[in-house]
Protein backbone atom coordinates (compact mmCIF):
# COMPACT_ATOMS: atom_id res chain seq x y z
CA UNK A 1 119.93 96.88 102.97
CA UNK A 2 117.37 96.71 105.77
CA UNK A 3 113.96 98.38 105.99
CA UNK A 4 112.48 100.40 108.84
CA UNK A 5 108.83 101.38 108.88
CA UNK A 6 106.19 102.41 111.40
CA UNK A 7 103.05 100.65 112.57
CA UNK A 8 100.85 103.11 110.67
CA UNK A 9 101.78 101.53 107.33
CA UNK A 10 99.69 98.46 108.21
CA UNK A 11 102.09 96.02 106.65
CA UNK A 12 100.36 92.63 106.53
CA UNK A 13 102.55 89.62 105.86
CA UNK A 14 102.27 85.94 106.75
CA UNK A 15 103.63 85.10 110.18
CA UNK A 16 107.42 85.24 110.25
CA UNK A 17 107.83 86.72 106.79
CA UNK A 18 108.48 90.25 108.05
CA UNK A 19 111.75 89.18 109.67
CA UNK A 20 112.73 87.24 106.54
CA UNK A 21 112.34 90.41 104.49
CA UNK A 22 114.49 92.49 106.89
CA UNK A 23 111.58 94.76 107.85
CA UNK A 24 111.69 96.39 111.30
CA UNK A 25 108.66 98.27 112.66
CA UNK A 26 108.77 101.18 115.10
CA UNK A 27 105.42 101.52 116.93
CA UNK A 28 103.23 104.59 117.13
CA UNK A 29 101.58 105.42 120.47
CA UNK A 30 97.97 106.02 121.48
CA UNK A 31 97.00 107.63 124.78
CA UNK A 32 93.57 107.11 126.34
CA UNK A 33 92.42 108.10 129.82
CA UNK A 34 95.94 109.08 130.78
CA UNK A 35 97.55 105.78 129.78
CA UNK A 36 99.86 105.46 126.79
CA UNK A 37 100.16 102.30 124.72
CA UNK A 38 102.68 101.40 122.03
CA UNK A 39 100.81 99.76 119.21
CA UNK A 40 101.43 96.03 118.95
CA UNK A 41 103.56 96.02 122.11
CA UNK A 42 101.50 97.37 125.01
CA UNK A 43 98.10 96.88 123.39
CA UNK A 44 96.53 94.89 120.57
CA UNK A 45 93.73 95.88 118.22
CA UNK A 46 91.15 93.63 119.90
CA UNK A 47 91.77 95.30 123.26
CA UNK A 48 91.75 98.94 122.15
CA UNK A 49 88.21 99.53 120.89
CA UNK A 50 86.43 98.18 124.00
CA UNK A 51 88.51 100.67 125.99
CA UNK A 52 87.63 103.43 123.53
CA UNK A 53 83.90 102.68 123.65
CA UNK A 54 83.93 102.58 127.46
CA UNK A 55 85.87 105.83 127.83
CA UNK A 56 84.33 109.23 128.40
CA UNK A 57 87.49 110.80 127.00
CA UNK A 58 88.96 111.03 123.54
CA UNK A 59 92.26 109.46 122.46
CA UNK A 60 95.41 111.23 121.38
CA UNK A 61 98.22 109.74 119.35
CA UNK A 62 101.92 110.41 118.89
CA UNK A 63 104.63 109.40 116.50
CA UNK A 64 107.77 107.61 117.69
CA UNK A 65 110.44 109.94 119.04
CA UNK A 66 113.64 110.72 117.17
CA UNK A 67 115.42 108.78 119.91
CA UNK A 68 113.38 105.65 119.22
CA UNK A 69 114.31 105.82 115.55
CA UNK A 70 117.94 106.47 116.47
CA UNK A 71 117.94 103.37 118.68
CA UNK A 72 116.58 101.29 115.82
CA UNK A 73 119.04 102.66 113.26
CA UNK A 74 121.95 102.21 115.65
CA UNK A 75 121.02 98.59 116.31
CA UNK A 76 120.61 97.77 112.61
CA UNK A 77 123.78 99.56 111.54
CA UNK A 78 125.82 97.04 113.52
CA UNK A 79 125.00 94.42 110.88
CA UNK A 80 124.23 96.58 107.81
CA UNK A 81 124.55 100.38 107.74
CA UNK A 82 122.39 100.76 104.63
CA UNK A 83 118.78 101.34 105.70
CA UNK A 84 115.63 102.27 103.80
CA UNK A 85 113.13 103.99 106.12
CA UNK A 86 109.57 104.15 104.73
CA UNK A 87 106.82 106.00 106.59
CA UNK A 88 103.24 107.23 106.61
CA UNK A 89 102.59 110.62 105.10
CA UNK A 90 104.29 113.64 106.62
CA UNK A 91 101.14 115.58 105.77
CA UNK A 92 99.22 113.89 108.59
CA UNK A 93 101.91 112.66 110.99
CA UNK A 94 105.25 113.76 112.36
CA UNK A 95 106.64 110.23 111.99
CA UNK A 96 108.65 110.93 108.83
CA UNK A 97 110.27 114.02 110.35
CA UNK A 98 111.09 112.11 113.55
CA UNK A 99 112.73 109.39 111.47
CA UNK A 100 114.89 111.97 109.70
CA UNK A 101 115.89 113.53 113.03
CA UNK A 102 116.71 110.10 114.41
CA UNK A 103 119.00 109.34 111.48
CA UNK A 104 121.00 112.51 112.16
CA UNK A 105 121.82 111.07 115.57
CA UNK A 106 123.36 107.92 114.06
CA UNK A 107 126.17 108.94 111.65
CA UNK A 108 127.27 105.33 111.24
CA UNK A 109 123.94 104.52 109.52
CA UNK A 110 123.31 105.36 105.87
CA UNK A 111 119.57 105.99 105.95
CA UNK A 112 117.40 106.80 102.93
CA UNK A 113 113.93 108.08 103.87
CA UNK A 114 110.73 107.70 101.87
CA UNK A 115 107.59 109.70 102.58
CA UNK A 116 104.79 107.50 101.19
CA UNK A 117 102.37 110.47 101.10
CA UNK A 118 99.65 108.05 102.18
CA UNK A 119 98.48 105.84 105.03
CA UNK A 120 97.71 102.29 106.11
CA UNK A 121 97.58 99.57 103.40
CA UNK A 122 98.50 101.96 100.57
CA UNK A 123 101.72 102.75 102.44
CA UNK A 124 102.27 99.12 103.42
CA UNK A 125 102.27 98.07 99.77
CA UNK A 126 105.26 100.33 99.19
CA UNK A 127 107.09 98.77 102.14
CA UNK A 128 106.42 95.21 101.03
CA UNK A 129 107.42 95.87 97.42
CA UNK A 130 110.70 97.46 98.50
CA UNK A 131 111.48 94.56 100.82
CA UNK A 132 110.80 91.90 98.20
CA UNK A 133 112.83 93.74 95.58
CA UNK A 134 115.79 94.14 97.93
CA UNK A 135 115.65 90.47 98.88
CA UNK A 136 115.73 89.60 95.17
CA UNK A 137 118.91 91.64 94.76
CA UNK A 138 117.56 94.77 93.06
CA UNK A 139 119.80 97.82 93.12
CA UNK A 140 118.80 100.71 95.39
CA UNK A 141 117.86 103.03 92.52
CA UNK A 142 115.60 100.33 91.05
CA UNK A 143 113.90 99.87 94.40
CA UNK A 144 113.32 103.60 94.82
CA UNK A 145 111.83 103.79 91.31
CA UNK A 146 109.55 100.85 92.11
CA UNK A 147 108.30 102.44 95.32
CA UNK A 148 107.61 105.71 93.53
CA UNK A 149 105.72 103.89 90.78
CA UNK A 150 103.53 102.09 93.31
CA UNK A 151 102.88 105.30 95.22
CA UNK A 152 101.81 107.11 92.06
CA UNK A 153 99.48 104.28 91.03
CA UNK A 154 97.86 103.54 94.38
CA UNK A 155 94.94 105.38 95.94
CA UNK A 156 93.02 104.98 99.14
CA UNK A 157 89.79 106.32 100.55
CA UNK A 158 87.53 105.73 103.51
CA UNK A 159 84.27 106.65 105.17
CA UNK A 160 82.88 106.45 108.69
CA UNK A 161 79.64 106.80 110.59
CA UNK A 162 80.62 109.49 113.10
CA UNK A 163 82.95 112.46 112.89
CA UNK A 164 83.75 113.35 116.50
CA UNK A 165 87.14 111.62 116.48
CA UNK A 166 88.26 113.30 113.25
CA UNK A 167 87.09 116.65 114.58
CA UNK A 168 88.84 116.13 117.90
CA UNK A 169 92.07 115.13 116.20
CA UNK A 170 92.06 118.24 114.01
CA UNK A 171 92.37 116.15 110.85
CA UNK A 172 89.39 117.89 109.22
CA UNK A 173 87.97 121.37 109.48
CA UNK A 174 86.09 121.83 112.74
CA UNK A 175 83.45 123.96 111.03
CA UNK A 176 82.81 121.52 108.19
CA UNK A 177 82.93 118.65 110.63
CA UNK A 178 80.35 120.22 112.93
CA UNK A 179 77.99 120.97 110.05
CA UNK A 180 78.38 117.48 108.67
CA UNK A 181 77.75 115.98 112.08
CA UNK A 182 74.56 117.97 112.55
CA UNK A 183 73.33 116.93 109.10
CA UNK A 184 74.32 113.29 109.70
CA UNK A 185 76.46 113.31 106.58
CA UNK A 186 78.92 110.51 105.87
CA UNK A 187 82.04 111.92 104.16
CA UNK A 188 84.09 110.16 101.51
CA UNK A 189 87.70 110.99 102.33
CA UNK A 190 90.86 110.35 100.33
CA UNK A 191 94.55 111.21 100.65
CA UNK A 192 95.98 113.49 97.97
CA UNK A 193 99.44 112.71 96.65
CA UNK A 194 101.16 116.12 96.72
CA UNK A 195 101.02 117.02 100.40
CA UNK A 196 99.70 113.68 101.59
CA UNK A 197 96.75 115.25 103.40
CA UNK A 198 93.07 114.41 103.61
CA UNK A 199 90.76 115.57 100.86
CA UNK A 200 86.98 115.29 100.80
CA UNK A 201 85.83 113.32 97.76
CA UNK A 202 82.10 113.55 98.41
CA UNK A 203 79.41 113.10 101.02
CA UNK A 204 76.25 111.03 101.35
CA UNK A 205 73.46 110.58 103.86
CA UNK A 206 73.92 106.94 104.90
CA UNK A 207 76.86 104.65 105.54
CA UNK A 208 75.54 102.10 103.04
CA UNK A 209 75.57 104.80 100.38
CA UNK A 210 79.09 105.73 101.46
CA UNK A 211 80.30 102.19 100.74
CA UNK A 212 78.66 102.28 97.31
CA UNK A 213 80.06 105.77 96.78
CA UNK A 214 83.62 104.57 97.33
CA UNK A 215 83.13 101.86 94.72
CA UNK A 216 81.75 104.46 92.32
CA UNK A 217 84.80 106.65 92.88
CA UNK A 218 87.09 103.73 92.08
CA UNK A 219 85.09 103.23 88.86
CA UNK A 220 85.73 106.85 87.90
CA UNK A 221 89.47 106.13 87.92
CA UNK A 222 89.42 102.59 86.53
CA UNK A 223 87.01 101.16 83.98
CA UNK A 224 84.65 98.51 85.28
CA UNK A 225 86.15 95.08 84.76
CA UNK A 226 89.71 96.39 85.19
CA UNK A 227 92.24 94.15 86.89
CA UNK A 228 92.97 95.77 90.26
CA UNK A 229 94.91 94.97 93.39
CA UNK A 230 92.59 95.80 96.30
CA UNK A 231 92.63 95.66 100.07
CA UNK A 232 89.87 96.64 102.47
CA UNK A 233 90.74 97.54 106.05
CA UNK A 234 88.59 98.79 108.90
CA UNK A 235 89.03 100.25 112.37
CA UNK A 236 86.59 97.86 114.11
CA UNK A 237 83.84 97.31 111.55
CA UNK A 238 84.31 93.92 109.86
CA UNK A 239 80.70 93.86 108.67
CA UNK A 240 81.11 97.14 106.81
CA UNK A 241 84.46 96.01 105.42
CA UNK A 242 82.96 92.81 104.02
CA UNK A 243 80.10 94.78 102.49
CA UNK A 244 82.55 97.07 100.70
CA UNK A 245 84.57 94.09 99.49
CA UNK A 246 81.46 92.51 97.97
CA UNK A 247 80.50 95.73 96.19
CA UNK A 248 83.97 96.27 94.72
CA UNK A 249 84.31 92.60 93.77
CA UNK A 250 81.24 92.88 91.54
CA UNK A 251 82.75 95.75 89.56
CA UNK A 252 86.35 94.74 88.97
CA UNK A 253 88.64 91.78 88.42
CA UNK A 254 90.26 91.92 91.83
CA UNK A 255 93.43 90.48 93.27
CA UNK A 256 92.42 90.62 96.91
CA UNK A 257 94.67 91.08 99.90
CA UNK A 258 93.21 90.05 103.26
CA UNK A 259 90.48 92.13 104.85
CA UNK A 260 91.50 93.09 108.35
CA UNK A 261 91.85 95.75 111.05
CA UNK A 262 93.91 98.85 110.39
CA UNK A 263 96.45 100.44 112.69
CA UNK A 264 94.69 101.29 115.93
CA UNK A 265 96.61 104.57 116.09
CA UNK A 266 94.96 105.58 112.82
CA UNK A 267 91.66 104.18 114.04
CA UNK A 268 91.91 106.44 117.08
CA UNK A 269 91.37 109.36 114.68
CA UNK A 270 88.27 107.82 113.11
CA UNK A 271 86.50 105.76 115.76
CA UNK A 272 85.41 102.16 115.41
CA UNK A 273 83.12 102.55 112.37
CA UNK A 274 85.73 103.42 109.71
CA UNK A 275 86.04 101.33 106.53
CA UNK A 276 88.70 102.07 103.92
CA UNK A 277 90.04 100.66 100.68
CA UNK A 278 93.40 100.77 98.90
CA UNK A 279 93.51 100.03 95.18
CA UNK A 280 95.81 100.14 92.15
CA UNK A 281 96.11 98.51 88.72
CA UNK A 282 97.28 94.93 89.19
CA UNK A 283 99.80 95.40 86.37
CA UNK A 284 101.85 97.77 88.54
CA UNK A 285 102.78 94.85 90.80
CA UNK A 286 103.44 92.29 88.06
CA UNK A 287 107.25 92.47 88.21
CA UNK A 288 107.63 92.45 91.99
CA UNK A 289 109.53 89.32 93.10
């Protein structure tokens, strides 16, 4: 069985390991100043934010087309028709629905779709776990149960300094966003697990307090000193990401995954200041090969 995912899951593996795990990534697209770029193909993270900062316009993003998924499924089915397709939440992106439509165009492929109901690293953990379990010879039903268990146990949240990109993208209420912007409020935003949509977890006056606030929210779910698996990602704010890592590291016994940039297509909805964290009990991952 092979795995298909999208670039929004922010799967981070050592160089070359993705191919060894039979993971195939379909890119999302960002459009800025009339030019469209496929993430990781036409543009890299380091090149996007300078363009964004220099632009007078605002970016738009789009999921892969059903045809792009169909092309991928058709290609993979030539060697193995069994495919597990794992994608960012359908509550915030049309990617999952496009993947389903693409599969209908390729009857020779036996595609099972998973809606992670989350984004970025929290979704990528589900992809990686499935891939490692399949490589180790786990049965499909065991893999699906594992992915569900990880999804139920994992949470993510983020904050940012400015709201204009979220407001423009329609991902939060325009009215609340405008009020928050005028009051210079920094929101604490999570992704709820039922519909996989954004939910406001709190708000503070400064970005430094927002970083501390995220750590406090983690502590409300997990006792201080708990053993957690944690990953901090950012749009283009490594300083803020490292600050959050230090705060969280003081509160919990952390198994850390690398700090790094998140999908630029997701960053297009937040601007360059965003810092986020994914976390779950370390015990949930103990039996993954």
